[in-house]
Amino acid sequence: ISILGLGIGLGCVMLLLMLAIQENSFDRFIPN
């Protein structure tokens, strides 16, 4: 119960953070 409850919450958090990280990373791969 603890793993499922915490895992679902952390999964939603990771999805939103991945989206935020990707949105904030545009064109930062360009050398210098």
PDB file of all heavy atoms in Angstrom:
ATOM      1  N   ILE A   1       0.838  -1.202   0.000  1.00  0.00           N
ATOM      2  CA  ILE A   1       0.000   0.000   0.000  1.00  0.00           C
ATOM      3  C   ILE A   1       0.872   1.252   0.000  1.00  0.00           C
ATOM      4  O   ILE A   1       0.619   2.215  -0.734  1.00  0.00           O
ATOM      5  CB  ILE A   1      -0.945   0.002   1.211  1.00  0.00           C
ATOM      6  CG1 ILE A   1      -1.956  -1.151   1.091  1.00  0.00           C
ATOM      7  CG2 ILE A   1      -1.670   1.335   1.331  1.00  0.00           C
ATOM      8  CD1 ILE A   1      -2.823  -1.335   2.309  1.00  0.00           C
ATOM      9  N   SER A   2       1.926   1.246   0.809  1.00  0.00           N
ATOM     10  CA  SER A   2       2.822   2.404   0.891  1.00  0.00           C
ATOM     11  C   SER A   2       3.537   2.636  -0.432  1.00  0.00           C
ATOM     12  O   SER A   2       3.632   3.775  -0.911  1.00  0.00           O
ATOM     13  CB  SER A   2       3.850   2.192   2.008  1.00  0.00           C
ATOM     14  OG  SER A   2       3.227   2.101   3.264  1.00  0.00           O
ATOM     15  N   ILE A   3       4.027   1.550  -1.042  1.00  0.00           N
ATOM     16  CA  ILE A   3       4.782   1.682  -2.301  1.00  0.00           C
ATOM     17  C   ILE A   3       3.875   2.172  -3.425  1.00  0.00           C
ATOM     18  O   ILE A   3       4.253   3.064  -4.195  1.00  0.00           O
ATOM     19  CB  ILE A   3       5.433   0.334  -2.664  1.00  0.00           C
ATOM     20  CG1 ILE A   3       6.590   0.035  -1.712  1.00  0.00           C
ATOM     21  CG2 ILE A   3       5.928   0.348  -4.111  1.00  0.00           C
ATOM     22  CD1 ILE A   3       7.244  -1.317  -1.955  1.00  0.00           C
ATOM     23  N   LEU A   4       2.668   1.612  -3.514  1.00  0.00           N
ATOM     24  CA  LEU A   4       1.758   2.028  -4.585  1.00  0.00           C
ATOM     25  C   LEU A   4       1.318   3.485  -4.401  1.00  0.00           C
ATOM     26  O   LEU A   4       1.313   4.271  -5.347  1.00  0.00           O
ATOM     27  CB  LEU A   4       0.537   1.115  -4.619  1.00  0.00           C
ATOM     28  CG  LEU A   4       0.752  -0.287  -5.182  1.00  0.00           C
ATOM     29  CD1 LEU A   4      -0.518  -1.121  -5.080  1.00  0.00           C
ATOM     30  CD2 LEU A   4       1.217  -0.221  -6.630  1.00  0.00           C
ATOM     31  N   GLY A   5       0.961   3.836  -3.175  1.00  0.00           N
ATOM     32  CA  GLY A   5       0.518   5.208  -2.920  1.00  0.00           C
ATOM     33  C   GLY A   5       1.609   6.215  -3.198  1.00  0.00           C
ATOM     34  O   GLY A   5       1.379   7.234  -3.874  1.00  0.00           O
ATOM     35  N   LEU A   6       2.805   5.949  -2.688  1.00  0.00           N
ATOM     36  CA  LEU A   6       3.919   6.858  -2.899  1.00  0.00           C
ATOM     37  C   LEU A   6       4.371   6.834  -4.352  1.00  0.00           C
ATOM     38  O   LEU A   6       4.699   7.878  -4.937  1.00  0.00           O
ATOM     39  CB  LEU A   6       5.085   6.465  -1.977  1.00  0.00           C
ATOM     40  CG  LEU A   6       6.307   7.398  -1.979  1.00  0.00           C
ATOM     41  CD1 LEU A   6       5.920   8.800  -1.564  1.00  0.00           C
ATOM     42  CD2 LEU A   6       7.392   6.842  -1.061  1.00  0.00           C
ATOM     43  N   GLY A   7       4.377   5.648  -4.965  1.00  0.00           N
ATOM     44  CA  GLY A   7       4.852   5.520  -6.345  1.00  0.00           C
ATOM     45  C   GLY A   7       3.995   6.269  -7.343  1.00  0.00           C
ATOM     46  O   GLY A   7       4.513   6.925  -8.251  1.00  0.00           O
ATOM     47  N   ILE A   8       2.676   6.209  -7.174  1.00  0.00           N
ATOM     48  CA  ILE A   8       1.776   6.930  -8.090  1.00  0.00           C
ATOM     49  C   ILE A   8       2.014   8.432  -7.973  1.00  0.00           C
ATOM     50  O   ILE A   8       2.094   9.156  -8.971  1.00  0.00           O
ATOM     51  CB  ILE A   8       0.316   6.576  -7.803  1.00  0.00           C
ATOM     52  CG1 ILE A   8       0.047   5.108  -8.165  1.00  0.00           C
ATOM     53  CG2 ILE A   8      -0.635   7.489  -8.569  1.00  0.00           C
ATOM     54  CD1 ILE A   8      -1.309   4.597  -7.745  1.00  0.00           C
ATOM     55  N   GLY A   9       2.152   8.910  -6.722  1.00  0.00           N
ATOM     56  CA  GLY A   9       2.417  10.331  -6.523  1.00  0.00           C
ATOM     57  C   GLY A   9       3.743  10.759  -7.103  1.00  0.00           C
ATOM     58  O   GLY A   9       3.838  11.771  -7.811  1.00  0.00           O
ATOM     59  N   LEU A  10       4.800   9.974  -6.849  1.00  0.00           N
ATOM     60  CA  LEU A  10       6.129  10.317  -7.371  1.00  0.00           C
ATOM     61  C   LEU A  10       6.169  10.210  -8.889  1.00  0.00           C
ATOM     62  O   LEU A  10       6.875  10.978  -9.552  1.00  0.00           O
ATOM     63  CB  LEU A  10       7.182   9.394  -6.748  1.00  0.00           C
ATOM     64  CG  LEU A  10       7.414   9.555  -5.239  1.00  0.00           C
ATOM     65  CD1 LEU A  10       8.547   8.654  -4.785  1.00  0.00           C
ATOM     66  CD2 LEU A  10       7.701  10.998  -4.878  1.00  0.00           C
ATOM     67  N   GLY A  11       5.408   9.268  -9.461  1.00  0.00           N
ATOM     68  CA  GLY A  11       5.359   9.151 -10.916  1.00  0.00           C
ATOM     69  C   GLY A  11       4.765  10.400 -11.553  1.00  0.00           C
ATOM     70  O   GLY A  11       5.277  10.909 -12.568  1.00  0.00           O
ATOM     71  N   CYS A  12       3.686  10.918 -10.956  1.00  0.00           N
ATOM     72  CA  CYS A  12       3.081  12.159 -11.473  1.00  0.00           C
ATOM     73  C   CYS A  12       4.045  13.327 -11.332  1.00  0.00           C
ATOM     74  O   CYS A  12       4.152  14.170 -12.236  1.00  0.00           O
ATOM     75  CB  CYS A  12       1.782  12.455 -10.720  1.00  0.00           C
ATOM     76  SG  CYS A  12       0.470  11.238 -10.993  1.00  0.00           S
ATOM     77  N   VAL A  13       4.749  13.379 -10.208  1.00  0.00           N
ATOM     78  CA  VAL A  13       5.730  14.452 -10.003  1.00  0.00           C
ATOM     79  C   VAL A  13       6.838  14.363 -11.042  1.00  0.00           C
ATOM     80  O   VAL A  13       7.249  15.378 -11.631  1.00  0.00           O
ATOM     81  CB  VAL A  13       6.318  14.375  -8.578  1.00  0.00           C
ATOM     82  CG1 VAL A  13       7.475  15.356  -8.422  1.00  0.00           C
ATOM     83  CG2 VAL A  13       5.248  14.679  -7.548  1.00  0.00           C
ATOM     84  N   MET A  14       7.334  13.147 -11.289  1.00  0.00           N
ATOM     85  CA  MET A  14       8.420  12.979 -12.264  1.00  0.00           C
ATOM     86  C   MET A  14       7.975  13.383 -13.664  1.00  0.00           C
ATOM     87  O   MET A  14       8.738  13.994 -14.415  1.00  0.00           O
ATOM     88  CB  MET A  14       8.899  11.524 -12.280  1.00  0.00           C
ATOM     89  CG  MET A  14       9.902  11.185 -11.191  1.00  0.00           C
ATOM     90  SD  MET A  14      11.352  12.289 -11.212  1.00  0.00           S
ATOM     91  CE  MET A  14      11.958  12.052 -12.872  1.00  0.00           C
ATOM     92  N   LEU A  15       6.750  13.042 -14.026  1.00  0.00           N
ATOM     93  CA  LEU A  15       6.237  13.431 -15.346  1.00  0.00           C
ATOM     94  C   LEU A  15       6.269  14.946 -15.519  1.00  0.00           C
ATOM     95  O   LEU A  15       6.741  15.473 -16.534  1.00  0.00           O
ATOM     96  CB  LEU A  15       4.808  12.924 -15.517  1.00  0.00           C
ATOM     97  CG  LEU A  15       4.615  11.563 -16.187  1.00  0.00           C
ATOM     98  CD1 LEU A  15       3.143  11.182 -16.162  1.00  0.00           C
ATOM     99  CD2 LEU A  15       5.129  11.579 -17.614  1.00  0.00           C
ATOM    100  N   LEU A  16       5.757  15.653 -14.512  1.00  0.00           N
ATOM    101  CA  LEU A  16       5.710  17.114 -14.593  1.00  0.00           C
ATOM    102  C   LEU A  16       7.106  17.721 -14.566  1.00  0.00           C
ATOM    103  O   LEU A  16       7.380  18.694 -15.277  1.00  0.00           O
ATOM    104  CB  LEU A  16       4.858  17.667 -13.450  1.00  0.00           C
ATOM    105  CG  LEU A  16       3.365  17.333 -13.532  1.00  0.00           C
ATOM    106  CD1 LEU A  16       2.646  17.736 -12.252  1.00  0.00           C
ATOM    107  CD2 LEU A  16       2.728  18.023 -14.727  1.00  0.00           C
ATOM    108  N   LEU A  17       8.000  17.143 -13.762  1.00  0.00           N
ATOM    109  CA  LEU A  17       9.369  17.659 -13.723  1.00  0.00           C
ATOM    110  C   LEU A  17      10.099  17.385 -15.025  1.00  0.00           C
ATOM    111  O   LEU A  17      10.876  18.226 -15.504  1.00  0.00           O
ATOM    112  CB  LEU A  17      10.129  17.046 -12.541  1.00  0.00           C
ATOM    113  CG  LEU A  17       9.757  17.562 -11.156  1.00  0.00           C
ATOM    114  CD1 LEU A  17      10.601  16.889 -10.092  1.00  0.00           C
ATOM    115  CD2 LEU A  17       9.918  19.075 -11.075  1.00  0.00           C
ATOM    116  N   MET A  18       9.887  16.209 -15.622  1.00  0.00           N
ATOM    117  CA  MET A  18      10.504  15.910 -16.918  1.00  0.00           C
ATOM    118  C   MET A  18      10.036  16.904 -17.972  1.00  0.00           C
ATOM    119  O   MET A  18      10.831  17.390 -18.787  1.00  0.00           O
ATOM    120  CB  MET A  18      10.149  14.480 -17.345  1.00  0.00           C
ATOM    121  CG  MET A  18      10.887  13.399 -16.583  1.00  0.00           C
ATOM    122  SD  MET A  18      10.208  11.730 -16.895  1.00  0.00           S
ATOM    123  CE  MET A  18      10.414  11.610 -18.686  1.00  0.00           C
ATOM    124  N   LEU A  19       8.738  17.219 -17.934  1.00  0.00           N
ATOM    125  CA  LEU A  19       8.195  18.189 -18.885  1.00  0.00           C
ATOM    126  C   LEU A  19       8.802  19.568 -18.651  1.00  0.00           C
ATOM    127  O   LEU A  19       9.183  20.263 -19.603  1.00  0.00           O
ATOM    128  CB  LEU A  19       6.677  18.242 -18.749  1.00  0.00           C
ATOM    129  CG  LEU A  19       5.926  19.129 -19.746  1.00  0.00           C
ATOM    130  CD1 LEU A  19       6.233  18.721 -21.178  1.00  0.00           C
ATOM    131  CD2 LEU A  19       4.430  19.073 -19.484  1.00  0.00           C
ATOM    132  N   ALA A  20       8.922  19.962 -17.382  1.00  0.00           N
ATOM    133  CA  ALA A  20       9.504  21.264 -17.060  1.00  0.00           C
ATOM    134  C   ALA A  20      10.967  21.324 -17.453  1.00  0.00           C
ATOM    135  O   ALA A  20      11.449  22.329 -17.995  1.00  0.00           O
ATOM    136  CB  ALA A  20       9.341  21.553 -15.565  1.00  0.00           C
ATOM    137  N   ILE A  21      11.717  20.240 -17.207  1.00  0.00           N
ATOM    138  CA  ILE A  21      13.137  20.195 -17.569  1.00  0.00           C
ATOM    139  C   ILE A  21      13.307  20.282 -19.075  1.00  0.00           C
ATOM    140  O   ILE A  21      14.172  21.014 -19.581  1.00  0.00           O
ATOM    141  CB  ILE A  21      13.785  18.908 -17.004  1.00  0.00           C
ATOM    142  CG1 ILE A  21      13.887  18.984 -15.479  1.00  0.00           C
ATOM    143  CG2 ILE A  21      15.173  18.687 -17.614  1.00  0.00           C
ATOM    144  CD1 ILE A  21      14.287  17.683 -14.828  1.00  0.00           C
ATOM    145  N   GLN A  22      12.479  19.531 -19.811  1.00  0.00           N
ATOM    146  CA  GLN A  22      12.571  19.580 -21.268  1.00  0.00           C
ATOM    147  C   GLN A  22      12.229  20.972 -21.787  1.00  0.00           C
ATOM    148  O   GLN A  22      12.926  21.509 -22.655  1.00  0.00           O
ATOM    149  CB  GLN A  22      11.628  18.553 -21.888  1.00  0.00           C
ATOM    150  CG  GLN A  22      11.582  18.621 -23.410  1.00  0.00           C
ATOM    151  CD  GLN A  22      10.771  17.504 -24.034  1.00  0.00           C
ATOM    152  OE1 GLN A  22      11.108  16.338 -23.898  1.00  0.00           O
ATOM    153  NE2 GLN A  22       9.689  17.835 -24.717  1.00  0.00           N
ATOM    154  N   GLU A  23      11.165  21.574 -21.263  1.00  0.00           N
ATOM    155  CA  GLU A  23      10.753  22.898 -21.731  1.00  0.00           C
ATOM    156  C   GLU A  23      11.850  23.933 -21.493  1.00  0.00           C
ATOM    157  O   GLU A  23      12.008  24.866 -22.274  1.00  0.00           O
ATOM    158  CB  GLU A  23       9.468  23.325 -21.012  1.00  0.00           C
ATOM    159  CG  GLU A  23       8.234  22.518 -21.395  1.00  0.00           C
ATOM    160  CD  GLU A  23       7.721  22.891 -22.778  1.00  0.00           C
ATOM    161  OE1 GLU A  23       7.111  23.946 -22.926  1.00  0.00           O
ATOM    162  OE2 GLU A  23       7.947  22.096 -23.707  1.00  0.00           O
ATOM    163  N   ASN A  24      12.592  23.760 -20.411  1.00  0.00           N
ATOM    164  CA  ASN A  24      13.617  24.743 -20.050  1.00  0.00           C
ATOM    165  C   ASN A  24      14.972  24.444 -20.687  1.00  0.00           C
ATOM    166  O   ASN A  24      15.941  25.171 -20.438  1.00  0.00           O
ATOM    167  CB  ASN A  24      13.775  24.792 -18.532  1.00  0.00           C
ATOM    168  CG  ASN A  24      14.410  26.072 -18.048  1.00  0.00           C
ATOM    169  OD1 ASN A  24      14.045  27.164 -18.475  1.00  0.00           O
ATOM    170  ND2 ASN A  24      15.391  25.948 -17.172  1.00  0.00           N
ATOM    171  N   SER A  25      15.061  23.398 -21.498  1.00  0.00           N
ATOM    172  CA  SER A  25      16.359  22.984 -22.049  1.00  0.00           C
ATOM    173  C   SER A  25      16.538  23.340 -23.525  1.00  0.00           C
ATOM    174  O   SER A  25      17.592  23.046 -24.100  1.00  0.00           O
ATOM    175  CB  SER A  25      16.519  21.464 -21.895  1.00  0.00           C
ATOM    176  OG  SER A  25      15.621  20.759 -22.748  1.00  0.00           O
ATOM    177  N   PHE A  26      15.547  23.983 -24.137  1.00  0.00           N
ATOM    178  CA  PHE A  26      15.619  24.210 -25.584  1.00  0.00           C
ATOM    179  C   PHE A  26      16.831  25.054 -25.969  1.00  0.00           C
ATOM    180  O   PHE A  26      17.096  26.106 -25.380  1.00  0.00           O
ATOM    181  CB  PHE A  26      14.327  24.864 -26.081  1.00  0.00           C
ATOM    182  CG  PHE A  26      13.265  23.870 -26.440  1.00  0.00           C
ATOM    183  CD1 PHE A  26      12.462  23.317 -25.458  1.00  0.00           C
ATOM    184  CD2 PHE A  26      13.097  23.453 -27.749  1.00  0.00           C
ATOM    185  CE1 PHE A  26      11.492  22.385 -25.784  1.00  0.00           C
ATOM    186  CE2 PHE A  26      12.133  22.523 -28.093  1.00  0.00           C
ATOM    187  CZ  PHE A  26      11.329  21.988 -27.103  1.00  0.00           C
ATOM    188  N   ASP A  27      17.551  24.532 -26.953  1.00  0.00           N
ATOM    189  CA  ASP A  27      18.729  25.165 -27.566  1.00  0.00           C
ATOM    190  C   ASP A  27      19.925  25.263 -26.634  1.00  0.00           C
ATOM    191  O   ASP A  27      20.952  25.849 -27.005  1.00  0.00           O
ATOM    192  CB  ASP A  27      18.389  26.553 -28.117  1.00  0.00           C
ATOM    193  CG  ASP A  27      17.572  26.490 -29.404  1.00  0.00           C
ATOM    194  OD1 ASP A  27      17.494  25.397 -29.999  1.00  0.00           O
ATOM    195  OD2 ASP A  27      16.992  27.506 -29.805  1.00  0.00           O
ATOM    196  N   ARG A  28      19.848  24.667 -25.457  1.00  0.00           N
ATOM    197  CA  ARG A  28      20.997  24.688 -24.556  1.00  0.00           C
ATOM    198  C   ARG A  28      21.994  23.589 -24.897  1.00  0.00           C
ATOM    199  O   ARG A  28      23.061  23.513 -24.282  1.00  0.00           O
ATOM    200  CB  ARG A  28      20.532  24.571 -23.105  1.00  0.00           C
ATOM    201  CG  ARG A  28      19.679  25.754 -22.671  1.00  0.00           C
ATOM    202  CD  ARG A  28      19.189  25.627 -21.242  1.00  0.00           C
ATOM    203  NE  ARG A  28      18.239  26.689 -20.929  1.00  0.00           N
ATOM    204  CZ  ARG A  28      18.564  27.888 -20.461  1.00  0.00           C
ATOM    205  NH1 ARG A  28      19.837  28.168 -20.238  1.00  0.00           N
ATOM    206  NH2 ARG A  28      17.637  28.786 -20.205  1.00  0.00           N
ATOM    207  N   PHE A  29      21.659  22.729 -25.861  1.00  0.00           N
ATOM    208  CA  PHE A  29      22.604  21.717 -26.338  1.00  0.00           C
ATOM    209  C   PHE A  29      23.637  22.324 -27.278  1.00  0.00           C
ATOM    210  O   PHE A  29      24.675  21.699 -27.562  1.00  0.00           O
ATOM    211  CB  PHE A  29      21.844  20.607 -27.087  1.00  0.00           C
ATOM    212  CG  PHE A  29      21.251  21.069 -28.387  1.00  0.00           C
ATOM    213  CD1 PHE A  29      21.961  20.941 -29.578  1.00  0.00           C
ATOM    214  CD2 PHE A  29      19.990  21.643 -28.432  1.00  0.00           C
ATOM    215  CE1 PHE A  29      21.424  21.381 -30.780  1.00  0.00           C
ATOM    216  CE2 PHE A  29      19.442  22.077 -29.618  1.00  0.00           C
ATOM    217  CZ  PHE A  29      20.152  21.960 -30.798  1.00  0.00           C
ATOM    218  N   ILE A  30      23.380  23.531 -27.789  1.00  0.00           N
ATOM    219  CA  ILE A  30      24.289  24.173 -28.748  1.00  0.00           C
ATOM    220  C   ILE A  30      25.622  24.449 -28.075  1.00  0.00           C
ATOM    221  O   ILE A  30      25.657  25.010 -26.971  1.00  0.00           O
ATOM    222  CB  ILE A  30      23.671  25.487 -29.268  1.00  0.00           C
ATOM    223  CG1 ILE A  30      22.367  25.197 -30.023  1.00  0.00           C
ATOM    224  CG2 ILE A  30      24.644  26.235 -30.173  1.00  0.00           C
ATOM    225  CD1 ILE A  30      21.613  26.442 -30.443  1.00  0.00           C
ATOM    226  N   PRO A  31      26.732  24.070 -28.699  1.00  0.00           N
ATOM    227  CA  PRO A  31      28.048  24.351 -28.099  1.00  0.00           C
ATOM    228  C   PRO A  31      28.200  25.846 -27.821  1.00  0.00           C
ATOM    229  O   PRO A  31      27.943  26.680 -28.688  1.00  0.00           O
ATOM    230  CB  PRO A  31      29.034  23.873 -29.182  1.00  0.00           C
ATOM    231  CG  PRO A  31      28.265  22.861 -29.975  1.00  0.00           C
ATOM    232  CD  PRO A  31      26.838  23.338 -29.981  1.00  0.00           C
ATOM    233  N   ASN A  32      28.609  26.153 -26.596  1.00  0.00           N
ATOM    234  CA  ASN A  32      28.782  27.560 -26.189  1.00  0.00           C
ATOM    235  C   ASN A  32      27.526  28.380 -26.495  1.00  0.00           C
ATOM    236  O   ASN A  32      27.596  29.461 -27.082  1.00  0.00           O
ATOM    237  CB  ASN A  32      29.998  28.172 -26.895  1.00  0.00           C
ATOM    238  CG  ASN A  32      31.285  27.446 -26.581  1.00  0.00           C
ATOM    239  OD1 ASN A  32      31.575  27.157 -25.422  1.00  0.00           O
ATOM    240  ND2 ASN A  32      32.060  27.119 -27.608  1.00  0.00           N
TER     241      ASN A  32
END
